[in-house]
PDB file of N, CA and C in Angstrom:
ATOM      1  N   UNK A   1       0.843  -1.178   0.000  1.00  0.00           N
ATOM      2  CA  UNK A   1       0.000   0.000   0.000  1.00  0.00           C
ATOM      3  C   UNK A   1       0.889   1.244   0.000  1.00  0.00           C
ATOM      4  N   UNK A   2       0.530   2.213  -0.765  1.00  0.00           N
ATOM      5  CA  UNK A   2       1.268   3.470  -0.827  1.00  0.00           C
ATOM      6  C   UNK A   2       0.642   4.457   0.149  1.00  0.00           C
ATOM      7  N   UNK A   3       1.435   4.898   1.103  1.00  0.00           N
ATOM      8  CA  UNK A   3       0.998   5.839   2.133  1.00  0.00           C
ATOM      9  C   UNK A   3       1.409   7.236   1.707  1.00  0.00           C
ATOM     10  N   UNK A   4       0.451   8.154   1.649  1.00  0.00           N
ATOM     11  CA  UNK A   4       0.768   9.521   1.247  1.00  0.00           C
ATOM     12  C   UNK A   4       0.423  10.550   2.318  1.00  0.00           C
ATOM     13  N   UNK A   5      -0.464  10.213   3.223  1.00  0.00           N
ATOM     14  CA  UNK A   5      -0.873  11.168   4.255  1.00  0.00           C
ATOM     15  C   UNK A   5      -0.886  10.482   5.611  1.00  0.00           C
ATOM     16  N   UNK A   6      -0.840  11.248   6.695  1.00  0.00           N
ATOM     17  CA  UNK A   6      -0.953  10.637   8.026  1.00  0.00           C
ATOM     18  C   UNK A   6      -2.256   9.851   8.196  1.00  0.00           C
ATOM     19  N   UNK A   7      -3.339  10.327   7.603  1.00  0.00           N
ATOM     20  CA  UNK A   7      -4.610   9.591   7.704  1.00  0.00           C
ATOM     21  C   UNK A   7      -4.503   8.213   7.060  1.00  0.00           C
ATOM     22  N   UNK A   8      -3.715   8.114   5.971  1.00  0.00           N
ATOM     23  CA  UNK A   8      -3.491   6.806   5.330  1.00  0.00           C
ATOM     24  C   UNK A   8      -2.848   5.837   6.324  1.00  0.00           C
ATOM     25  N   UNK A   9      -1.912   6.341   7.132  1.00  0.00           N
ATOM     26  CA  UNK A   9      -1.257   5.502   8.143  1.00  0.00           C
ATOM     27  C   UNK A   9      -2.291   5.006   9.142  1.00  0.00           C
ATOM     28  N   UNK A  10      -3.129   5.908   9.617  1.00  0.00           N
ATOM     29  CA  UNK A  10      -4.166   5.536  10.579  1.00  0.00           C
ATOM     30  C   UNK A  10      -5.125   4.499  10.026  1.00  0.00           C
ATOM     31  N   UNK A  11      -5.548   4.690   8.772  1.00  0.00           N
ATOM     32  CA  UNK A  11      -6.464   3.728   8.146  1.00  0.00           C
ATOM     33  C   UNK A  11      -5.799   2.368   7.971  1.00  0.00           C
ATOM     34  N   UNK A  12      -4.516   2.380   7.629  1.00  0.00           N
ATOM     35  CA  UNK A  12      -3.796   1.116   7.447  1.00  0.00           C
ATOM     36  C   UNK A  12      -3.643   0.380   8.776  1.00  0.00           C
ATOM     37  N   UNK A  13      -3.352   1.125   9.823  1.00  0.00           N
ATOM     38  CA  UNK A  13      -3.253   0.518  11.154  1.00  0.00           C
ATOM     39  C   UNK A  13      -4.592  -0.099  11.538  1.00  0.00           C
ATOM     40  N   UNK A  14      -5.681   0.635  11.324  1.00  0.00           N
ATOM     41  CA  UNK A  14      -7.013   0.128  11.668  1.00  0.00           C
ATOM     42  C   UNK A  14      -7.364  -1.124  10.871  1.00  0.00           C
ATOM     43  N   UNK A  15      -7.101  -1.100   9.558  1.00  0.00           N
ATOM     44  CA  UNK A  15      -7.456  -2.265   8.742  1.00  0.00           C
ATOM     45  C   UNK A  15      -6.608  -3.484   9.107  1.00  0.00           C
ATOM     46  N   UNK A  16      -5.338  -3.268   9.432  1.00  0.00           N
ATOM     47  CA  UNK A  16      -4.483  -4.391   9.834  1.00  0.00           C
ATOM     48  C   UNK A  16      -4.940  -4.953  11.177  1.00  0.00           C
ATOM     49  N   UNK A  17      -5.254  -4.074  12.099  1.00  0.00           N
ATOM     50  CA  UNK A  17      -5.753  -4.506  13.417  1.00  0.00           C
ATOM     51  C   UNK A  17      -7.012  -5.346  13.256  1.00  0.00           C
ATOM     52  N   UNK A  18      -7.937  -4.882  12.423  1.00  0.00           N
ATOM     53  CA  UNK A  18      -9.188  -5.617  12.201  1.00  0.00           C
ATOM     54  C   UNK A  18      -8.933  -6.950  11.516  1.00  0.00           C
ATOM     55  N   UNK A  19      -7.996  -6.975  10.565  1.00  0.00           N
ATOM     56  CA  UNK A  19      -7.664  -8.226   9.867  1.00  0.00           C
ATOM     57  C   UNK A  19      -7.091  -9.265  10.833  1.00  0.00           C
ATOM     58  N   UNK A  20      -6.411  -8.784  11.878  1.00  0.00           N
ATOM     59  CA  UNK A  20      -5.877  -9.696  12.901  1.00  0.00           C
ATOM     60  C   UNK A  20      -6.952 -10.138  13.893  1.00  0.00           C
ATOM     61  N   UNK A  21      -8.137  -9.524  13.787  1.00  0.00           N
ATOM     62  CA  UNK A  21      -9.231  -9.859  14.696  1.00  0.00           C
ATOM     63  C   UNK A  21      -9.086  -9.191  16.062  1.00  0.00           C
ATOM     64  N   UNK A  22      -8.307  -8.121  16.132  1.00  0.00           N
ATOM     65  CA  UNK A  22      -8.078  -7.422  17.396  1.00  0.00           C
ATOM     66  C   UNK A  22      -9.006  -6.230  17.516  1.00  0.00           C
ATOM     67  N   UNK A  23      -9.464  -5.993  18.716  1.00  0.00           N
ATOM     68  CA  UNK A  23     -10.211  -4.769  18.999  1.00  0.00           C
ATOM     69  C   UNK A  23      -9.207  -3.660  19.296  1.00  0.00           C
ATOM     70  N   UNK A  24      -9.694  -2.430  19.381  1.00  0.00           N
ATOM     71  CA  UNK A  24      -8.804  -1.328  19.762  1.00  0.00           C
ATOM     72  C   UNK A  24      -8.232  -1.582  21.157  1.00  0.00           C
ATOM     73  N   UNK A  25      -9.039  -2.162  22.020  1.00  0.00           N
ATOM     74  CA  UNK A  25      -8.584  -2.476  23.381  1.00  0.00           C
ATOM     75  C   UNK A  25      -7.477  -3.529  23.354  1.00  0.00           C
ATOM     76  N   UNK A  26      -7.607  -4.529  22.475  1.00  0.00           N
ATOM     77  CA  UNK A  26      -6.565  -5.555  22.352  1.00  0.00           C
ATOM     78  C   UNK A  26      -5.234  -4.931  21.946  1.00  0.00           C
ATOM     79  N   UNK A  27      -5.267  -4.073  20.923  1.00  0.00           N
ATOM     80  CA  UNK A  27      -4.048  -3.425  20.471  1.00  0.00           C
ATOM     81  C   UNK A  27      -3.488  -2.520  21.568  1.00  0.00           C
ATOM     82  N   UNK A  28      -4.357  -1.798  22.229  1.00  0.00           N
ATOM     83  CA  UNK A  28      -3.929  -0.904  23.308  1.00  0.00           C
ATOM     84  C   UNK A  28      -3.180  -1.672  24.392  1.00  0.00           C
ATOM     85  N   UNK A  29      -3.689  -2.830  24.757  1.00  0.00           N
ATOM     86  CA  UNK A  29      -3.043  -3.652  25.784  1.00  0.00           C
ATOM     87  C   UNK A  29      -1.651  -4.094  25.338  1.00  0.00           C
ATOM     88  N   UNK A  30      -1.535  -4.462  24.065  1.00  0.00           N
ATOM     89  CA  UNK A  30      -0.249  -4.938  23.544  1.00  0.00           C
ATOM     90  C   UNK A  30       0.808  -3.829  23.481  1.00  0.00           C
ATOM     91  N   UNK A  31       0.374  -2.576  23.353  1.00  0.00           N
ATOM     92  CA  UNK A  31       1.340  -1.476  23.258  1.00  0.00           C
ATOM     93  C   UNK A  31       1.434  -0.658  24.545  1.00  0.00           C
ATOM     94  N   UNK A  32       0.694  -1.076  25.574  1.00  0.00           N
ATOM     95  CA  UNK A  32       0.776  -0.397  26.862  1.00  0.00           C
ATOM     96  C   UNK A  32       0.058   0.946  26.899  1.00  0.00           C
ATOM     97  N   UNK A  33      -0.980   1.084  26.100  1.00  0.00           N
ATOM     98  CA  UNK A  33      -1.769   2.323  26.056  1.00  0.00           C
ATOM     99  C   UNK A  33      -3.227   1.983  26.326  1.00  0.00           C
ATOM    100  N   UNK A  34      -4.082   3.001  26.281  1.00  0.00           N
ATOM    101  CA  UNK A  34      -5.510   2.733  26.453  1.00  0.00           C
ATOM    102  C   UNK A  34      -6.235   2.788  25.105  1.00  0.00           C
ATOM    103  N   UNK A  35      -7.503   2.380  25.116  1.00  0.00           N
ATOM    104  CA  UNK A  35      -8.297   2.309  23.879  1.00  0.00           C
ATOM    105  C   UNK A  35      -8.443   3.681  23.232  1.00  0.00           C
ATOM    106  N   UNK A  36      -8.552   4.737  24.030  1.00  0.00           N
ATOM    107  CA  UNK A  36      -8.699   6.089  23.479  1.00  0.00           C
ATOM    108  C   UNK A  36      -7.465   6.478  22.646  1.00  0.00           C
ATOM    109  N   UNK A  37      -6.290   6.039  23.107  1.00  0.00           N
ATOM    110  CA  UNK A  37      -5.064   6.316  22.361  1.00  0.00           C
ATOM    111  C   UNK A  37      -5.115   5.661  20.981  1.00  0.00           C
ATOM    112  N   UNK A  38      -5.536   4.402  20.925  1.00  0.00           N
ATOM    113  CA  UNK A  38      -5.612   3.686  19.646  1.00  0.00           C
ATOM    114  C   UNK A  38      -6.622   4.363  18.725  1.00  0.00           C
ATOM    115  N   UNK A  39      -7.743   4.784  19.272  1.00  0.00           N
ATOM    116  CA  UNK A  39      -8.739   5.492  18.477  1.00  0.00           C
ATOM    117  C   UNK A  39      -8.146   6.772  17.897  1.00  0.00           C
ATOM    118  N   UNK A  40      -7.430   7.517  18.718  1.00  0.00           N
ATOM    119  CA  UNK A  40      -6.802   8.758  18.259  1.00  0.00           C
ATOM    120  C   UNK A  40      -5.752   8.463  17.181  1.00  0.00           C
ATOM    121  N   UNK A  41      -4.967   7.404  17.392  1.00  0.00           N
ATOM    122  CA  UNK A  41      -3.951   6.995  16.429  1.00  0.00           C
ATOM    123  C   UNK A  41      -4.575   6.667  15.075  1.00  0.00           C
ATOM    124  N   UNK A  42      -5.665   5.942  15.093  1.00  0.00           N
ATOM    125  CA  UNK A  42      -6.308   5.529  13.845  1.00  0.00           C
ATOM    126  C   UNK A  42      -7.022   6.677  13.139  1.00  0.00           C
ATOM    127  N   UNK A  43      -7.491   7.649  13.893  1.00  0.00           N
ATOM    128  CA  UNK A  43      -8.249   8.745  13.298  1.00  0.00           C
ATOM    129  C   UNK A  43      -7.443  10.020  13.065  1.00  0.00           C
ATOM    130  N   UNK A  44      -6.422  10.259  13.882  1.00  0.00           N
ATOM    131  CA  UNK A  44      -5.582  11.457  13.732  1.00  0.00           C
ATOM    132  C   UNK A  44      -4.157  11.147  14.164  1.00  0.00           C
ATOM    133  N   UNK A  45      -3.416  10.398  13.334  1.00  0.00           N
ATOM    134  CA  UNK A  45      -2.057   9.998  13.726  1.00  0.00           C
ATOM    135  C   UNK A  45      -1.078  11.165  13.852  1.00  0.00           C
ATOM    136  N   UNK A  46      -1.454  12.370  13.402  1.00  0.00           N
ATOM    137  CA  UNK A  46      -0.555  13.513  13.545  1.00  0.00           C
ATOM    138  C   UNK A  46      -0.365  13.900  15.003  1.00  0.00           C
ATOM    139  N   UNK A  47      -1.262  13.442  15.872  1.00  0.00           N
ATOM    140  CA  UNK A  47      -1.147  13.776  17.292  1.00  0.00           C
ATOM    141  C   UNK A  47      -0.260  12.790  18.054  1.00  0.00           C
ATOM    142  N   UNK A  48       0.321  11.819  17.345  1.00  0.00           N
ATOM    143  CA  UNK A  48       1.136  10.780  17.959  1.00  0.00           C
ATOM    144  C   UNK A  48       2.564  10.891  17.423  1.00  0.00           C
ATOM    145  N   UNK A  49       3.553  10.669  18.292  1.00  0.00           N
ATOM    146  CA  UNK A  49       4.951  10.778  17.845  1.00  0.00           C
ATOM    147  C   UNK A  49       5.274   9.699  16.814  1.00  0.00           C
ATOM    148  N   UNK A  50       6.230  10.030  15.955  1.00  0.00           N
ATOM    149  CA  UNK A  50       6.653   9.105  14.905  1.00  0.00           C
ATOM    150  C   UNK A  50       7.192   7.808  15.510  1.00  0.00           C
ATOM    151  N   UNK A  51       7.944   7.927  16.587  1.00  0.00           N
ATOM    152  CA  UNK A  51       8.490   6.743  17.244  1.00  0.00           C
ATOM    153  C   UNK A  51       7.401   5.809  17.742  1.00  0.00           C
ATOM    154  N   UNK A  52       6.339   6.380  18.272  1.00  0.00           N
ATOM    155  CA  UNK A  52       5.215   5.568  18.758  1.00  0.00           C
ATOM    156  C   UNK A  52       4.506   4.899  17.597  1.00  0.00           C
ATOM    157  N   UNK A  53       4.338   5.614  16.493  1.00  0.00           N
ATOM    158  CA  UNK A  53       3.718   5.010  15.309  1.00  0.00           C
ATOM    159  C   UNK A  53       4.553   3.828  14.837  1.00  0.00           C
ATOM    160  N   UNK A  54       5.879   3.988  14.797  1.00  0.00           N
ATOM    161  CA  UNK A  54       6.744   2.881  14.385  1.00  0.00           C
ATOM    162  C   UNK A  54       6.620   1.687  15.323  1.00  0.00           C
ATOM    163  N   UNK A  55       6.506   1.955  16.626  1.00  0.00           N
ATOM    164  CA  UNK A  55       6.350   0.877  17.598  1.00  0.00           C
ATOM    165  C   UNK A  55       5.043   0.117  17.349  1.00  0.00           C
ATOM    166  N   UNK A  56       3.961   0.846  17.063  1.00  0.00           N
ATOM    167  CA  UNK A  56       2.666   0.208  16.788  1.00  0.00           C
ATOM    168  C   UNK A  56       2.758  -0.624  15.508  1.00  0.00           C
ATOM    169  N   UNK A  57       3.395  -0.070  14.480  1.00  0.00           N
ATOM    170  CA  UNK A  57       3.563  -0.817  13.231  1.00  0.00           C
ATOM    171  C   UNK A  57       4.333  -2.110  13.473  1.00  0.00           C
ATOM    172  N   UNK A  58       5.333  -2.054  14.326  1.00  0.00           N
ATOM    173  CA  UNK A  58       6.109  -3.241  14.666  1.00  0.00           C
ATOM    174  C   UNK A  58       5.237  -4.285  15.361  1.00  0.00           C
ATOM    175  N   UNK A  59       4.414  -3.850  16.307  1.00  0.00           N
ATOM    176  CA  UNK A  59       3.517  -4.780  17.018  1.00  0.00           C
ATOM    177  C   UNK A  59       2.548  -5.438  16.037  1.00  0.00           C
ATOM    178  N   UNK A  60       2.113  -4.682  15.026  1.00  0.00           N
ATOM    179  CA  UNK A  60       1.192  -5.214  14.022  1.00  0.00           C
ATOM    180  C   UNK A  60       1.923  -5.986  12.921  1.00  0.00           C
ATOM    181  N   UNK A  61       3.255  -6.100  13.049  1.00  0.00           N
ATOM    182  CA  UNK A  61       4.095  -6.789  12.063  1.00  0.00           C
ATOM    183  C   UNK A  61       3.987  -6.153  10.676  1.00  0.00           C
ATOM    184  N   UNK A  62       3.964  -4.809  10.661  1.00  0.00           N
ATOM    185  CA  UNK A  62       3.925  -4.055   9.407  1.00  0.00           C
ATOM    186  C   UNK A  62       5.329  -3.535   9.142  1.00  0.00           C
ATOM    187  N   UNK A  63       5.874  -3.897   7.984  1.00  0.00           N
ATOM    188  CA  UNK A  63       7.200  -3.424   7.601  1.00  0.00           C
ATOM    189  C   UNK A  63       7.095  -2.055   6.939  1.00  0.00           C
ATOM    190  N   UNK A  64       8.057  -1.206   7.204  1.00  0.00           N
ATOM    191  CA  UNK A  64       8.114   0.116   6.592  1.00  0.00           C
ATOM    192  C   UNK A  64       9.261   0.121   5.605  1.00  0.00           C
ATOM    193  N   UNK A  65       8.974   0.448   4.358  1.00  0.00           N
ATOM    194  CA  UNK A  65       9.996   0.515   3.310  1.00  0.00           C
ATOM    195  C   UNK A  65       9.988   1.927   2.748  1.00  0.00           C
ATOM    196  N   UNK A  66      11.004   2.703   3.106  1.00  0.00           N
ATOM    197  CA  UNK A  66      11.089   4.075   2.612  1.00  0.00           C
ATOM    198  C   UNK A  66      11.974   4.076   1.383  1.00  0.00           C
ATOM    199  N   UNK A  67      11.351   4.076   0.235  1.00  0.00           N
ATOM    200  CA  UNK A  67      12.057   4.007  -1.024  1.00  0.00           C
ATOM    201  C   UNK A  67      11.957   5.348  -1.735  1.00  0.00           C
ATOM    202  N   UNK A  68      13.076   5.821  -2.244  1.00  0.00           N
ATOM    203  CA  UNK A  68      13.100   7.048  -3.018  1.00  0.00           C
ATOM    204  C   UNK A  68      12.639   6.714  -4.426  1.00  0.00           C
ATOM    205  N   UNK A  69      11.562   7.324  -4.864  1.00  0.00           N
ATOM    206  CA  UNK A  69      11.022   7.030  -6.188  1.00  0.00           C
ATOM    207  C   UNK A  69      12.014   7.329  -7.291  1.00  0.00           C
ATOM    208  N   UNK A  70      12.897   8.292  -7.096  1.00  0.00           N
ATOM    209  CA  UNK A  70      13.866   8.652  -8.132  1.00  0.00           C
ATOM    210  C   UNK A  70      14.893   7.563  -8.389  1.00  0.00           C
ATOM    211  N   UNK A  71      15.149   6.676  -7.428  1.00  0.00           N
ATOM    212  CA  UNK A  71      16.168   5.642  -7.618  1.00  0.00           C
ATOM    213  C   UNK A  71      15.679   4.516  -8.511  1.00  0.00           C
ATOM    214  N   UNK A  72      14.389   4.503  -8.850  1.00  0.00           N
ATOM    215  CA  UNK A  72      13.857   3.432  -9.681  1.00  0.00           C
ATOM    216  C   UNK A  72      13.801   3.802 -11.159  1.00  0.00           C
ATOM    217  N   UNK A  73      14.222   5.006 -11.497  1.00  0.00           N
ATOM    218  CA  UNK A  73      14.190   5.412 -12.888  1.00  0.00           C
ATOM    219  C   UNK A  73      15.360   4.777 -13.639  1.00  0.00           C
ATOM    220  N   UNK A  74      15.131   4.493 -14.894  1.00  0.00           N
ATOM    221  CA  UNK A  74      16.198   3.943 -15.722  1.00  0.00           C
ATOM    222  C   UNK A  74      16.468   4.895 -16.879  1.00  0.00           C
ATOM    223  N   UNK A  75      16.763   6.153 -16.536  1.00  0.00           N
ATOM    224  CA  UNK A  75      16.974   7.174 -17.564  1.00  0.00           C
ATOM    225  C   UNK A  75      18.451   7.422 -17.851  1.00  0.00           C
ATOM    226  N   UNK A  76      19.322   6.506 -17.414  1.00  0.00           N
ATOM    227  CA  UNK A  76      20.735   6.655 -17.698  1.00  0.00           C
ATOM    228  C   UNK A  76      21.475   7.535 -16.709  1.00  0.00           C
ATOM    229  N   UNK A  77      20.830   7.908 -15.636  1.00  0.00           N
ATOM    230  CA  UNK A  77      21.511   8.710 -14.631  1.00  0.00           C
ATOM    231  C   UNK A  77      21.627   7.908 -13.348  1.00  0.00           C
ATOM    232  N   UNK A  78      22.584   8.278 -12.531  1.00  0.00           N
ATOM    233  CA  UNK A  78      22.810   7.572 -11.282  1.00  0.00           C
ATOM    234  C   UNK A  78      22.627   8.529 -10.121  1.00  0.00           C
ATOM    235  N   UNK A  79      22.016   8.080  -9.008  1.00  0.00           N
ATOM    236  CA  UNK A  79      21.870   8.944  -7.851  1.00  0.00           C
ATOM    237  C   UNK A  79      23.235   9.212  -7.213  1.00  0.00           C
ATOM    238  N   UNK A  80      23.457  10.435  -6.784  1.00  0.00           N
ATOM    239  CA  UNK A  80      24.720  10.804  -6.145  1.00  0.00           C
ATOM    240  C   UNK A  80      24.453  11.637  -4.910  1.00  0.00           C
ATOM    241  N   UNK A  81      25.494  11.849  -4.120  1.00  0.00           N
ATOM    242  CA  UNK A  81      25.370  12.625  -2.895  1.00  0.00           C
ATOM    243  C   UNK A  81      24.826  14.008  -3.200  1.00  0.00           C
ATOM    244  N   UNK A  82      24.027  14.537  -2.297  1.00  0.00           N
ATOM    245  CA  UNK A  82      23.491  15.874  -2.448  1.00  0.00           C
ATOM    246  C   UNK A  82      22.238  15.918  -3.312  1.00  0.00           C
ATOM    247  N   UNK A  83      21.741  14.775  -3.732  1.00  0.00           N
ATOM    248  CA  UNK A  83      20.517  14.737  -4.503  1.00  0.00           C
ATOM    249  C   UNK A  83      20.686  15.163  -5.962  1.00  0.00           C
ATOM    250  N   UNK A  84      21.895  15.323  -6.417  1.00  0.00           N
ATOM    251  CA  UNK A  84      22.120  15.710  -7.800  1.00  0.00           C
ATOM    252  C   UNK A  84      22.080  14.480  -8.680  1.00  0.00           C
ATOM    253  N   UNK A  85      21.605  14.648  -9.903  1.00  0.00           N
ATOM    254  CA  UNK A  85      21.596  13.543 -10.846  1.00  0.00           C
ATOM    255  C   UNK A  85      22.541  13.916 -11.977  1.00  0.00           C
ATOM    256  N   UNK A  86      23.547  13.093 -12.184  1.00  0.00           N
ATOM    257  CA  UNK A  86      24.587  13.366 -13.157  1.00  0.00           C
ATOM    258  C   UNK A  86      24.645  12.195 -14.122  1.00  0.00           C
ATOM    259  N   UNK A  87      24.686  12.460 -15.424  1.00  0.00           N
ATOM    260  CA  UNK A  87      24.732  11.361 -16.395  1.00  0.00           C
ATOM    261  C   UNK A  87      25.915  10.432 -16.142  1.00  0.00           C
ATOM    262  N   UNK A  88      25.702   9.136 -16.355  1.00  0.00           N
ATOM    263  CA  UNK A  88      26.771   8.157 -16.140  1.00  0.00           C
ATOM    264  C   UNK A  88      27.956   8.402 -17.062  1.00  0.00           C
ATOM    265  N   UNK A  89      27.700   8.969 -18.232  1.00  0.00           N
ATOM    266  CA  UNK A  89      28.779   9.199 -19.193  1.00  0.00           C
ATOM    267  C   UNK A  89      29.286  10.639 -19.127  1.00  0.00           C
ATOM    268  N   UNK A  90      29.215  11.272 -17.974  1.00  0.00           N
ATOM    269  CA  UNK A  90      29.689  12.655 -17.823  1.00  0.00           C
ATOM    270  C   UNK A  90      31.181  12.722 -18.127  1.00  0.00           C
ATOM    271  N   UNK A  91      31.633  13.819 -18.747  1.00  0.00           N
ATOM    272  CA  UNK A  91      33.052  13.935 -19.111  1.00  0.00           C
ATOM    273  C   UNK A  91      33.941  14.068 -17.878  1.00  0.00           C
ATOM    274  N   UNK A  92      35.140  13.530 -17.983  1.00  0.00           N
ATOM    275  CA  UNK A  92      36.119  13.675 -16.909  1.00  0.00           C
ATOM    276  C   UNK A  92      37.260  14.512 -17.468  1.00  0.00           C
ATOM    277  N   UNK A  93      37.331  15.739 -17.049  1.00  0.00           N
ATOM    278  CA  UNK A  93      38.452  16.591 -17.439  1.00  0.00           C
ATOM    279  C   UNK A  93      38.763  17.522 -16.275  1.00  0.00           C
ATOM    280  N   UNK A  94      39.854  18.239 -16.362  1.00  0.00           N
ATOM    281  CA  UNK A  94      40.276  19.112 -15.280  1.00  0.00           C
ATOM    282  C   UNK A  94      39.309  20.244 -15.006  1.00  0.00           C
ATOM    283  N   UNK A  95      38.474  20.603 -15.976  1.00  0.00           N
ATOM    284  CA  UNK A  95      37.554  21.723 -15.814  1.00  0.00           C
ATOM    285  C   UNK A  95      36.191  21.289 -15.286  1.00  0.00           C
ATOM    286  N   UNK A  96      35.932  20.015 -15.294  1.00  0.00           N
ATOM    287  CA  UNK A  96      34.634  19.509 -14.858  1.00  0.00           C
ATOM    288  C   UNK A  96      34.461  19.692 -13.356  1.00  0.00           C
ATOM    289  N   UNK A  97      33.260  20.096 -12.912  1.00  0.00           N
ATOM    290  CA  UNK A  97      33.015  20.218 -11.478  1.00  0.00           C
ATOM    291  C   UNK A  97      32.746  18.864 -10.822  1.00  0.00           C
ATOM    292  N   UNK A  98      33.074  17.783 -11.530  1.00  0.00           N
ATOM    293  CA  UNK A  98      32.817  16.439 -11.025  1.00  0.00           C
ATOM    294  C   UNK A  98      34.118  15.706 -10.777  1.00  0.00           C
ATOM    295  N   UNK A  99      34.070  14.732  -9.877  1.00  0.00           N
ATOM    296  CA  UNK A  99      35.208  13.843  -9.686  1.00  0.00           C
ATOM    297  C   UNK A  99      34.659  12.440  -9.464  1.00  0.00           C
ATOM    298  N   UNK A 100      35.395  11.457  -9.925  1.00  0.00           N
ATOM    299  CA  UNK A 100      34.972  10.067  -9.777  1.00  0.00           C
ATOM    300  C   UNK A 100      35.493   9.550  -8.437  1.00  0.00           C
ATOM    301  N   UNK A 101      34.656   8.846  -7.708  1.00  0.00           N
ATOM    302  CA  UNK A 101      35.073   8.238  -6.456  1.00  0.00           C
ATOM    303  C   UNK A 101      35.251   6.746  -6.685  1.00  0.00           C
ATOM    304  N   UNK A 102      35.750   6.047  -5.678  1.00  0.00           N
ATOM    305  CA  UNK A 102      36.076   4.625  -5.837  1.00  0.00           C
ATOM    306  C   UNK A 102      34.907   3.799  -6.353  1.00  0.00           C
ATOM    307  N   UNK A 103      33.676   4.178  -6.007  1.00  0.00           N
ATOM    308  CA  UNK A 103      32.521   3.399  -6.437  1.00  0.00           C
ATOM    309  C   UNK A 103      32.252   3.555  -7.930  1.00  0.00           C
ATOM    310  N   UNK A 104      32.945   4.519  -8.570  1.00  0.00           N
ATOM    311  CA  UNK A 104      32.710   4.750  -9.987  1.00  0.00           C
ATOM    312  C   UNK A 104      31.677   5.830 -10.230  1.00  0.00           C
ATOM    313  N   UNK A 105      31.031   6.314  -9.180  1.00  0.00           N
ATOM    314  CA  UNK A 105      30.035   7.370  -9.318  1.00  0.00           C
ATOM    315  C   UNK A 105      30.736   8.722  -9.325  1.00  0.00           C
ATOM    316  N   UNK A 106      30.034   9.709  -9.787  1.00  0.00           N
ATOM    317  CA  UNK A 106      30.559  11.066  -9.793  1.00  0.00           C
ATOM    318  C   UNK A 106      29.961  11.844  -8.628  1.00  0.00           C
ATOM    319  N   UNK A 107      30.763  12.670  -8.018  1.00  0.00           N
ATOM    320  CA  UNK A 107      30.275  13.586  -6.989  1.00  0.00           C
ATOM    321  C   UNK A 107      30.831  14.965  -7.286  1.00  0.00           C
ATOM    322  N   UNK A 108      30.152  15.986  -6.784  1.00  0.00           N
ATOM    323  CA  UNK A 108      30.594  17.358  -7.040  1.00  0.00           C
ATOM    324  C   UNK A 108      31.900  17.652  -6.336  1.00  0.00           C
ATOM    325  N   UNK A 109      32.764  18.376  -7.035  1.00  0.00           N
ATOM    326  CA  UNK A 109      33.988  18.874  -6.417  1.00  0.00           C
ATOM    327  C   UNK A 109      33.637  20.141  -5.654  1.00  0.00           C
ATOM    328  N   UNK A 110      34.349  20.429  -4.585  1.00  0.00           N
ATOM    329  CA  UNK A 110      34.114  21.717  -3.935  1.00  0.00           C
ATOM    330  C   UNK A 110      34.480  22.839  -4.900  1.00  0.00           C
ATOM    331  N   UNK A 111      33.780  23.965  -4.825  1.00  0.00           N
ATOM    332  CA  UNK A 111      34.024  25.077  -5.730  1.00  0.00           C
ATOM    333  C   UNK A 111      35.375  25.724  -5.478  1.00  0.00           C
ATOM    334  N   UNK A 112      35.859  25.676  -4.249  1.00  0.00           N
ATOM    335  CA  UNK A 112      37.187  26.211  -3.962  1.00  0.00           C
ATOM    336  C   UNK A 112      37.855  25.301  -2.959  1.00  0.00           C
ATOM    337  N   UNK A 113      39.165  25.329  -2.954  1.00  0.00           N
ATOM    338  CA  UNK A 113      39.923  24.506  -2.028  1.00  0.00           C
ATOM    339  C   UNK A 113      39.952  25.187  -0.664  1.00  0.00           C
ATOM    340  N   UNK A 114      39.609  24.468   0.413  1.00  0.00           N
ATOM    341  CA  UNK A 114      39.637  25.084   1.730  1.00  0.00           C
ATOM    342  C   UNK A 114      41.069  25.442   2.144  1.00  0.00           C
ATOM    343  N   UNK A 115      41.210  26.521   2.870  1.00  0.00           N
ATOM    344  CA  UNK A 115      42.504  26.973   3.352  1.00  0.00           C
ATOM    345  C   UNK A 115      42.571  26.672   4.842  1.00  0.00           C
ATOM    346  N   UNK A 116      43.619  25.987   5.264  1.00  0.00           N
ATOM    347  CA  UNK A 116      43.778  25.652   6.671  1.00  0.00           C
ATOM    348  C   UNK A 116      44.519  26.793   7.355  1.00  0.00           C
ATOM    349  N   UNK A 117      43.926  27.329   8.390  1.00  0.00           N
ATOM    350  CA  UNK A 117      44.537  28.421   9.146  1.00  0.00           C
ATOM    351  C   UNK A 117      44.809  27.901  10.542  1.00  0.00           C
ATOM    352  N   UNK A 118      46.044  27.990  10.955  1.00  0.00           N
ATOM    353  CA  UNK A 118      46.428  27.530  12.283  1.00  0.00           C
ATOM    354  C   UNK A 118      46.128  28.620  13.296  1.00  0.00           C
ATOM    355  N   UNK A 119      45.430  28.264  14.363  1.00  0.00           N
ATOM    356  CA  UNK A 119      45.130  29.225  15.418  1.00  0.00           C
ATOM    357  C   UNK A 119      46.328  29.433  16.327  1.00  0.00           C
ATOM    358  N   UNK A 120      47.188  28.445  16.416  1.00  0.00           N
ATOM    359  CA  UNK A 120      48.335  28.511  17.327  1.00  0.00           C
ATOM    360  C   UNK A 120      49.629  28.633  16.533  1.00  0.00           C
ATOM    361  N   UNK A 121      49.856  29.782  15.938  1.00  0.00           N
ATOM    362  CA  UNK A 121      51.107  29.981  15.189  1.00  0.00           C
ATOM    363  C   UNK A 121      52.261  30.105  16.170  1.00  0.00           C
ATOM    364  N   UNK A 122      53.321  29.415  15.870  1.00  0.00           N
ATOM    365  CA  UNK A 122      54.505  29.479  16.734  1.00  0.00           C
ATOM    366  C   UNK A 122      55.182  30.836  16.556  1.00  0.00           C
ATOM    367  N   UNK A 123      55.478  31.489  17.662  1.00  0.00           N
ATOM    368  CA  UNK A 123      56.153  32.791  17.612  1.00  0.00           C
ATOM    369  C   UNK A 123      57.651  32.565  17.638  1.00  0.00           C
ATOM    370  N   UNK A 124      58.343  33.248  16.727  1.00  0.00           N
ATOM    371  CA  UNK A 124      59.791  33.092  16.643  1.00  0.00           C
ATOM    372  C   UNK A 124      60.508  34.197  17.342  1.00  0.00           C
TER     373      UNK A 124
END
């Protein structure tokens, strides 16, 4: 199921709980909360911390897969650090703002070389 809103999470929790044959009270007992909490979770999950939602999903044996939709494209580009998409056949020359790393991917070069300044200069 594709979750797009907090309400989708609440509905999914409710449908999974019902499929297991559990009442709100049953789920509440398993997570150490009361029935009102489960009702609130199912109807307005924005009022519940993310960590608590994950704990409830775990109790319901629901796996969470956070997949970046951009990584599934096959347009000839590879994902790189910083969210930039750079063609796999990008040129490698001294003027290019790219550098190849051991993995074979390209990452951006810094625009300027950092200068190291010593705070403790030895006095002569």
